[in-house]
Protein backbone atom coordinates (compact mmCIF):
# COMPACT_ATOMS: atom_id res chain seq x y z
CA MET A 1 -96.24 -79.46 1.37
CA ALA A 2 -92.79 -80.70 0.60
CA ARG A 3 -94.08 -82.42 -2.50
CA ARG A 4 -95.51 -79.21 -3.93
CA TYR A 5 -92.29 -77.24 -4.06
CA LYS A 6 -88.92 -78.23 -5.35
CA VAL A 7 -86.88 -78.80 -2.21
CA MET A 8 -83.66 -76.88 -1.85
CA ALA A 9 -80.53 -78.98 -2.00
CA GLY A 10 -79.44 -79.74 1.53
CA ALA A 11 -80.78 -78.24 4.69
CA ALA A 12 -78.09 -75.74 5.43
CA VAL A 13 -79.14 -72.78 7.50
CA LEU A 14 -78.81 -69.53 5.61
CA ALA A 15 -78.45 -66.50 7.86
CA LEU A 16 -79.73 -63.24 6.45
CA SER A 17 -78.53 -60.35 8.57
CA LEU A 18 -81.28 -57.80 8.73
CA SER A 19 -80.57 -55.95 11.96
CA ALA A 20 -81.34 -52.26 12.17
CA CYS A 21 -77.67 -51.36 12.09
CA GLY A 22 -77.15 -53.52 9.02
CA GLY A 23 -74.69 -55.95 10.56
CA ALA A 24 -74.95 -59.45 11.95
CA GLY A 25 -75.25 -59.51 15.71
CA THR A 26 -73.86 -62.16 17.97
CA ALA A 27 -75.95 -64.88 19.53
CA SER A 28 -76.09 -62.87 22.73
CA ASP A 29 -77.18 -59.52 21.37
CA GLU A 30 -79.28 -60.21 18.29
CA LYS A 31 -82.96 -60.95 17.91
CA SER A 32 -83.38 -63.80 15.47
CA LEU A 33 -86.18 -65.81 13.91
CA THR A 34 -85.62 -69.10 12.10
CA VAL A 35 -88.01 -69.65 9.21
CA THR A 36 -88.48 -73.18 7.87
CA MET A 37 -90.50 -73.76 4.70
CA TRP A 38 -90.62 -76.18 1.78
CA GLY A 39 -87.66 -74.68 -0.07
CA GLY A 40 -87.03 -73.71 -3.66
CA GLN A 41 -88.34 -70.69 -5.53
CA ALA A 42 -91.46 -70.46 -3.40
CA GLN A 43 -89.51 -70.13 -0.15
CA SER A 44 -87.28 -67.49 -1.73
CA ALA A 45 -90.38 -65.53 -2.76
CA HIS A 46 -92.01 -65.81 0.68
CA VAL A 47 -88.90 -64.74 2.56
CA ALA A 48 -88.20 -61.79 0.25
CA SER A 49 -91.82 -60.62 0.27
CA TYR A 50 -92.91 -60.89 3.87
CA PHE A 51 -90.07 -61.84 6.17
CA THR A 52 -87.28 -59.56 4.94
CA PRO A 53 -89.29 -56.29 5.13
CA TRP A 54 -90.54 -57.06 8.65
CA ALA A 55 -87.05 -58.04 9.80
CA ALA A 56 -85.56 -54.82 8.43
CA GLU A 57 -88.20 -52.77 10.26
CA SER A 58 -87.82 -54.72 13.48
CA GLY A 59 -84.07 -55.18 13.73
CA VAL A 60 -84.32 -58.95 13.48
CA THR A 61 -81.99 -61.47 11.90
CA ILE A 62 -83.82 -63.99 9.74
CA LYS A 63 -82.37 -67.48 9.45
CA GLU A 64 -83.69 -70.01 6.95
CA ASP A 65 -83.90 -73.76 6.91
CA SER A 66 -85.63 -76.21 4.58
CA PRO A 67 -87.46 -78.39 3.95
CA THR A 68 -90.17 -78.67 6.56
CA ASP A 69 -89.92 -82.05 8.29
CA TYR A 70 -92.69 -83.10 10.67
CA ALA A 71 -90.55 -85.67 12.44
CA LYS A 72 -87.93 -83.01 13.16
CA ILE A 73 -90.55 -80.74 14.71
CA GLU A 74 -91.60 -83.51 17.08
CA THR A 75 -87.99 -84.43 17.86
CA GLN A 76 -87.07 -80.82 18.67
CA VAL A 77 -90.10 -80.31 20.90
CA ASN A 78 -89.69 -83.60 22.77
CA ALA A 79 -85.99 -82.91 23.32
CA GLY A 80 -86.68 -79.37 24.55
CA LYS A 81 -84.27 -77.99 21.93
CA VAL A 82 -86.46 -76.09 19.51
CA ASN A 83 -84.63 -74.02 16.92
CA TRP A 84 -87.33 -73.68 14.25
CA GLY A 85 -89.46 -70.59 14.84
CA VAL A 86 -92.02 -70.14 12.05
CA VAL A 87 -92.66 -73.33 10.10
CA GLU A 88 -94.81 -73.80 6.99
CA VAL A 89 -96.98 -76.91 7.26
CA GLU A 90 -100.08 -78.57 5.87
CA PRO A 91 -103.32 -77.85 7.76
CA ASN A 92 -103.98 -81.49 8.66
CA PHE A 93 -100.57 -81.66 10.36
CA ALA A 94 -101.17 -78.36 12.15
CA ASN A 95 -104.45 -79.74 13.48
CA THR A 96 -103.03 -82.99 14.85
CA ALA A 97 -99.77 -81.45 16.09
CA CYS A 98 -101.69 -78.78 17.98
CA GLU A 99 -103.81 -81.45 19.67
CA LYS A 100 -100.63 -83.34 20.62
CA GLY A 101 -99.14 -80.24 22.24
CA LEU A 102 -96.32 -79.88 19.72
CA LEU A 103 -97.22 -76.30 18.76
CA GLU A 104 -97.71 -72.99 20.52
CA LYS A 105 -101.32 -71.83 20.77
CA LEU A 106 -101.97 -68.56 18.95
CA PRO A 107 -101.93 -65.58 21.31
CA GLN A 108 -105.03 -63.41 21.27
CA ARG A 109 -103.27 -60.59 19.44
CA VAL A 110 -102.65 -62.88 16.46
CA ILE A 111 -106.28 -64.04 16.46
CA ASP A 112 -107.43 -60.42 16.60
CA ALA A 113 -105.10 -59.48 13.72
CA ALA A 114 -106.51 -62.32 11.61
CA LYS A 115 -110.07 -61.19 12.25
CA ALA A 116 -109.20 -57.59 11.43
CA ALA A 117 -107.55 -58.71 8.20
CA GLY A 118 -110.59 -60.70 7.11
CA VAL A 119 -108.77 -64.03 7.02
CA PRO A 120 -111.27 -66.84 6.35
CA GLU A 121 -112.14 -68.44 9.68
CA ALA A 122 -112.08 -71.89 8.08
CA GLN A 123 -108.38 -71.44 7.29
CA MET A 124 -107.44 -70.59 10.86
CA GLY A 125 -106.36 -73.09 13.49
CA GLU A 126 -105.87 -73.02 17.22
CA CYS A 127 -102.12 -73.05 16.59
CA ALA A 128 -101.89 -71.89 12.96
CA ILE A 129 -102.56 -69.08 10.52
CA PRO A 130 -102.71 -69.45 6.73
CA ASN A 131 -99.85 -67.98 4.70
CA LEU A 132 -101.04 -68.74 1.16
CA GLN A 133 -103.91 -70.15 -0.87
CA TYR A 134 -103.88 -72.24 -4.03
CA THR A 135 -106.31 -74.42 -5.94
CA PHE A 136 -106.43 -77.87 -7.42
CA SER A 137 -107.30 -76.96 -10.99
CA ILE A 138 -107.79 -78.83 -14.26
CA ALA A 139 -104.52 -78.27 -16.11
CA TYR A 140 -104.50 -79.05 -19.81
CA ASN A 141 -102.12 -79.06 -22.74
CA THR A 142 -103.23 -76.23 -25.02
CA GLU A 143 -101.93 -77.92 -28.16
CA VAL A 144 -103.60 -81.29 -27.51
CA PHE A 145 -106.84 -79.57 -26.51
CA ALA A 146 -106.67 -76.49 -28.70
CA ASP A 147 -110.38 -76.37 -29.46
CA LYS A 148 -112.08 -77.89 -26.44
CA HIS A 149 -110.94 -79.04 -23.01
CA PRO A 150 -112.58 -80.34 -19.81
CA THR A 151 -114.22 -77.66 -17.69
CA ASN A 152 -115.37 -79.85 -14.79
CA TRP A 153 -114.35 -83.11 -13.13
CA ALA A 154 -116.96 -85.22 -14.93
CA GLU A 155 -115.38 -84.16 -18.22
CA PHE A 156 -111.90 -84.73 -16.78
CA PHE A 157 -112.91 -88.36 -16.15
CA ASP A 158 -114.40 -88.70 -19.65
CA THR A 159 -111.57 -90.39 -21.56
CA LYS A 160 -113.71 -90.99 -24.65
CA THR A 161 -114.46 -87.35 -25.32
CA PHE A 162 -111.07 -86.19 -24.04
CA PRO A 163 -108.57 -89.04 -24.67
CA GLY A 164 -105.19 -89.21 -22.99
CA LYS A 165 -103.53 -89.94 -19.69
CA ARG A 166 -104.60 -88.20 -16.48
CA GLY A 167 -102.11 -86.90 -13.92
CA PHE A 168 -102.84 -87.07 -10.20
CA TRP A 169 -100.76 -86.25 -7.14
CA LYS A 170 -99.85 -89.47 -5.35
CA TYR A 171 -101.01 -88.11 -2.04
CA ALA A 172 -104.23 -88.75 -0.14
CA THR A 173 -105.00 -85.11 0.64
CA GLY A 174 -104.18 -84.03 -2.92
CA GLY A 175 -107.76 -83.64 -4.09
CA LEU A 176 -108.19 -86.83 -6.14
CA PHE A 177 -110.96 -88.25 -3.96
CA GLU A 178 -112.85 -84.97 -3.94
CA ALA A 179 -112.50 -84.72 -7.73
CA ALA A 180 -113.69 -88.31 -8.23
CA LEU A 181 -116.81 -87.72 -6.13
CA LEU A 182 -117.60 -84.46 -7.91
CA ALA A 183 -117.17 -86.29 -11.22
CA ASP A 184 -119.63 -88.92 -10.00
CA GLY A 185 -122.25 -86.32 -9.22
CA VAL A 186 -121.83 -85.68 -5.50
CA PRO A 187 -122.86 -82.07 -4.72
CA ALA A 188 -119.96 -79.88 -3.62
CA ASP A 189 -121.57 -79.16 -0.26
CA LYS A 190 -122.02 -82.90 0.43
CA LEU A 191 -118.44 -84.06 -0.17
CA TYR A 192 -117.52 -84.67 3.48
CA PRO A 193 -117.25 -87.13 5.02
CA LEU A 194 -115.85 -88.64 1.83
CA ASP A 195 -117.65 -91.67 0.43
CA LEU A 196 -114.42 -93.58 -0.21
CA PRO A 197 -115.94 -96.72 -1.81
CA ARG A 198 -117.74 -94.48 -4.30
CA ALA A 199 -114.57 -92.45 -4.94
CA PHE A 200 -112.47 -95.55 -5.56
CA ALA A 201 -115.16 -96.94 -7.88
CA LYS A 202 -114.99 -93.76 -9.95
CA LEU A 203 -111.20 -93.84 -9.97
CA ASP A 204 -111.39 -97.45 -11.18
CA THR A 205 -112.97 -96.18 -14.41
CA ILE A 206 -109.76 -94.37 -15.40
CA LYS A 207 -107.16 -96.30 -13.38
CA LYS A 208 -105.31 -97.56 -16.47
CA ASP A 209 -104.96 -93.97 -17.67
CA ILE A 210 -103.61 -92.47 -14.43
CA VAL A 211 -100.03 -91.20 -14.23
CA TRP A 212 -98.90 -90.32 -10.72
CA TYR A 213 -96.67 -87.39 -9.83
CA ASP A 214 -94.86 -86.48 -6.61
CA THR A 215 -93.56 -82.95 -7.28
CA GLY A 216 -94.62 -79.70 -8.87
CA ASP A 217 -91.96 -80.05 -11.53
CA GLN A 218 -93.29 -83.47 -12.49
CA GLN A 219 -96.87 -82.29 -12.87
CA THR A 220 -95.82 -79.44 -15.13
CA GLN A 221 -93.66 -81.74 -17.26
CA LEU A 222 -96.49 -84.24 -17.62
CA VAL A 223 -98.99 -81.76 -19.00
CA ALA A 224 -96.52 -79.68 -21.03
CA SER A 225 -94.99 -82.72 -22.75
CA GLY A 226 -98.40 -84.21 -23.47
CA GLU A 227 -97.54 -87.43 -21.63
CA ALA A 228 -100.58 -86.65 -19.48
CA PRO A 229 -102.32 -83.79 -21.29
CA LEU A 230 -104.79 -83.47 -18.42
CA VAL A 231 -103.55 -83.09 -14.83
CA GLN A 232 -105.17 -82.21 -11.55
CA ALA A 233 -102.67 -79.51 -10.71
CA TRP A 234 -101.53 -76.89 -8.25
CA ASN A 235 -102.63 -73.85 -10.18
CA GLY A 236 -99.61 -71.70 -9.36
CA ARG A 237 -97.24 -74.12 -11.03
CA ILE A 238 -99.26 -74.12 -14.24
CA THR A 239 -99.64 -70.34 -14.20
CA LYS A 240 -95.87 -69.91 -13.97
CA ALA A 241 -95.24 -72.50 -16.71
CA ALA A 242 -97.70 -70.77 -19.02
CA ALA A 243 -96.01 -67.43 -18.39
CA GLU A 244 -92.73 -69.05 -19.46
CA GLY A 245 -94.29 -69.98 -22.79
CA GLN A 246 -95.14 -73.62 -22.16
CA ALA A 247 -98.28 -75.02 -23.82
CA VAL A 248 -100.31 -75.31 -20.61
CA ALA A 249 -103.27 -73.58 -19.00
CA ASN A 250 -105.61 -73.86 -16.02
CA ASP A 251 -109.35 -74.33 -16.13
CA TYR A 252 -110.97 -73.40 -12.82
CA GLY A 253 -114.24 -75.27 -13.19
CA GLN A 254 -115.00 -76.91 -9.82
CA ASN A 255 -111.54 -75.99 -8.53
CA LEU A 256 -110.78 -77.10 -5.00
CA ILE A 257 -109.26 -74.45 -2.76
CA SER A 258 -106.42 -75.39 -0.46
CA TYR A 259 -103.96 -73.49 1.67
CA ASP A 260 -100.78 -73.79 3.70
CA GLN A 261 -100.35 -72.63 7.28
CA VAL A 262 -97.49 -71.44 9.46
CA VAL A 263 -97.00 -72.54 13.06
CA ILE A 264 -94.65 -72.00 15.99
CA PRO A 265 -93.22 -75.20 17.52
CA LYS A 266 -93.84 -75.54 21.26
CA GLY A 267 -90.97 -74.20 23.35
CA TYR A 268 -89.36 -72.01 20.67
CA PRO A 269 -87.35 -69.45 22.68
CA ASN A 270 -88.42 -66.51 20.51
CA ALA A 271 -92.09 -67.46 20.28
CA GLU A 272 -93.18 -63.90 21.09
CA LEU A 273 -91.05 -62.63 18.21
CA ALA A 274 -92.64 -65.19 15.90
CA ALA A 275 -96.07 -63.98 17.02
CA ASP A 276 -94.96 -60.38 16.33
CA TRP A 277 -94.22 -61.41 12.75
CA MET A 278 -97.62 -63.11 12.41
CA VAL A 279 -99.40 -59.90 13.47
CA TRP A 280 -97.35 -57.87 10.99
CA PHE A 281 -97.93 -60.36 8.17
CA LEU A 282 -101.68 -60.53 8.66
CA GLY A 283 -101.96 -56.76 8.62
CA ASN A 284 -99.67 -56.17 5.67
CA GLY A 285 -101.71 -56.75 2.53
CA GLN A 286 -99.04 -55.27 0.28
CA ALA A 287 -96.42 -57.78 1.41
CA GLN A 288 -98.88 -60.58 0.72
CA ALA A 289 -99.67 -59.10 -2.69
CA ASP A 290 -95.97 -58.91 -3.51
CA ASP A 291 -95.63 -62.56 -2.60
CA ALA A 292 -98.59 -63.50 -4.78
CA VAL A 293 -96.89 -61.95 -7.80
CA ALA A 294 -93.55 -63.57 -6.99
CA SER A 295 -94.85 -67.05 -6.09
CA GLY A 296 -98.10 -67.47 -8.01
CA TYR A 297 -100.04 -68.33 -4.84
CA GLY A 298 -102.92 -66.34 -3.43
CA PRO A 299 -102.81 -64.06 -0.38
CA VAL A 300 -104.88 -64.70 2.74
CA SER A 301 -106.00 -61.25 3.96
CA SER A 302 -109.16 -59.91 2.35
CA ASP A 303 -107.62 -56.61 1.21
CA ALA A 304 -104.48 -58.15 -0.27
CA ILE A 305 -106.03 -59.55 -3.45
CA GLY A 306 -107.03 -56.04 -4.52
CA LEU A 307 -103.41 -54.93 -4.24
CA VAL A 308 -102.26 -57.53 -6.77
CA PRO A 309 -101.94 -56.14 -10.32
CA GLU A 310 -105.02 -57.08 -12.34
CA ALA A 311 -102.99 -59.07 -14.86
CA ASP A 312 -101.75 -61.37 -12.09
CA ARG A 313 -104.99 -61.56 -10.14
CA LYS A 314 -107.13 -63.73 -12.41
CA ASP A 315 -105.14 -66.91 -11.65
CA LEU A 316 -104.91 -66.50 -7.89
CA ALA A 317 -106.86 -68.43 -5.30
CA GLY A 318 -108.99 -65.91 -3.46
CA SER A 319 -109.68 -63.83 -6.56
CA GLU A 320 -113.22 -63.42 -7.81
CA GLU A 321 -112.29 -65.08 -11.09
CA VAL A 322 -111.17 -68.28 -9.37
CA SER A 323 -113.60 -68.28 -6.43
CA LYS A 324 -116.75 -68.00 -8.55
CA ASP A 325 -116.08 -71.41 -10.13
CA SER A 326 -114.81 -73.16 -7.00
CA ALA A 327 -116.34 -76.33 -5.58
CA GLY A 328 -115.18 -75.24 -2.14
CA LEU A 329 -112.43 -75.65 0.41
CA ILE A 330 -110.57 -78.87 1.17
CA ASP A 331 -111.73 -79.96 4.64
CA TYR A 332 -108.51 -80.50 6.56
CA SER A 333 -110.31 -81.28 9.80
CA TYR A 334 -111.56 -84.41 8.00
CA TRP A 335 -108.06 -85.18 6.75
CA ALA A 336 -106.50 -84.68 10.19
CA LYS A 337 -108.60 -87.59 11.43
CA ASN A 338 -108.45 -89.82 8.36
CA TYR A 339 -105.13 -89.20 6.63
CA ASP A 340 -103.33 -92.35 7.83
CA SER A 341 -106.14 -94.79 7.09
CA VAL A 342 -106.96 -93.31 3.68
CA THR A 343 -103.29 -93.24 2.72
CA GLU A 344 -103.10 -96.97 3.43
CA GLU A 345 -106.22 -97.58 1.33
CA LEU A 346 -104.83 -95.50 -1.53
CA ASN A 347 -101.49 -97.30 -1.53
CA ASN A 348 -103.22 -100.68 -1.53
CA TRP A 349 -105.47 -99.61 -4.41
CA ILE A 350 -102.52 -98.39 -6.47
CA ALA A 351 -100.67 -101.65 -5.87
CA LYS A 352 -103.55 -103.83 -7.11
């Protein structure tokens, strides 16, 4: 999600020479893999944790680009000039792009590696594997709510008991509809298909108190400054801000688990090499654990969470501490079918 991470300035390709001999090969004699993600600190953490080690072992040159751009993927594929190899995307895009033939189908060896690694089946796609997990948590300002803070979405919507502005991501798949329905008493296992009229009616009750954000930096600033002392947040951002000494914290009551995926655009010349990396990544719990520490986002293989130091584990999606209070997984198969229409409804509602 481009909106979740701070995008790197520009989209210059950064070549990291990681061949076995230690030097950069030429276009004719080197194996290379171009990695495109959302940019910023998160991309740096991902590349350092689980692309660089594999490349060093395999004699591969890693090239980076950012940010992910869905239109560019389609343009490259349709033109038959695909230069992005492994691309980080949202699951709803992976679903629709796979159906449209824009992505390579996962080879059986990748599927087998995912099963062996205990990757949740719900996070797999026909063309995609997950690369990280996170949650939509209740972030709160610890000075404003020093004694008591909301611990579920009904309390988050209770502006009398917990006064102040509420921050939401201005994005249809960003968890606001799910949170509104949970706040209105819909059981977690009955969320989908979303009852949108009911969700909008609940959002109407706090509409005047909503502050919208577009980026991870904005959400952190909102809650830390007290402008919106309660924010539906990406937990990793709040965890990092708290570690830096900012007056913020996560509450994981009824947290909504989400995830990103990585895909291979259709026609990428080194698709087999990209699949090699996927197999390595899925089977390398330590690399995923290293990334979790560096990025603040949870690993995807079942053994990886146990390799994360205990002090870092309690705030990671996939950990027992977070999972036990979760309301469940965002249903991206629903969003793949309904994203455009719900986005239009949301924009119209905001404009009223």
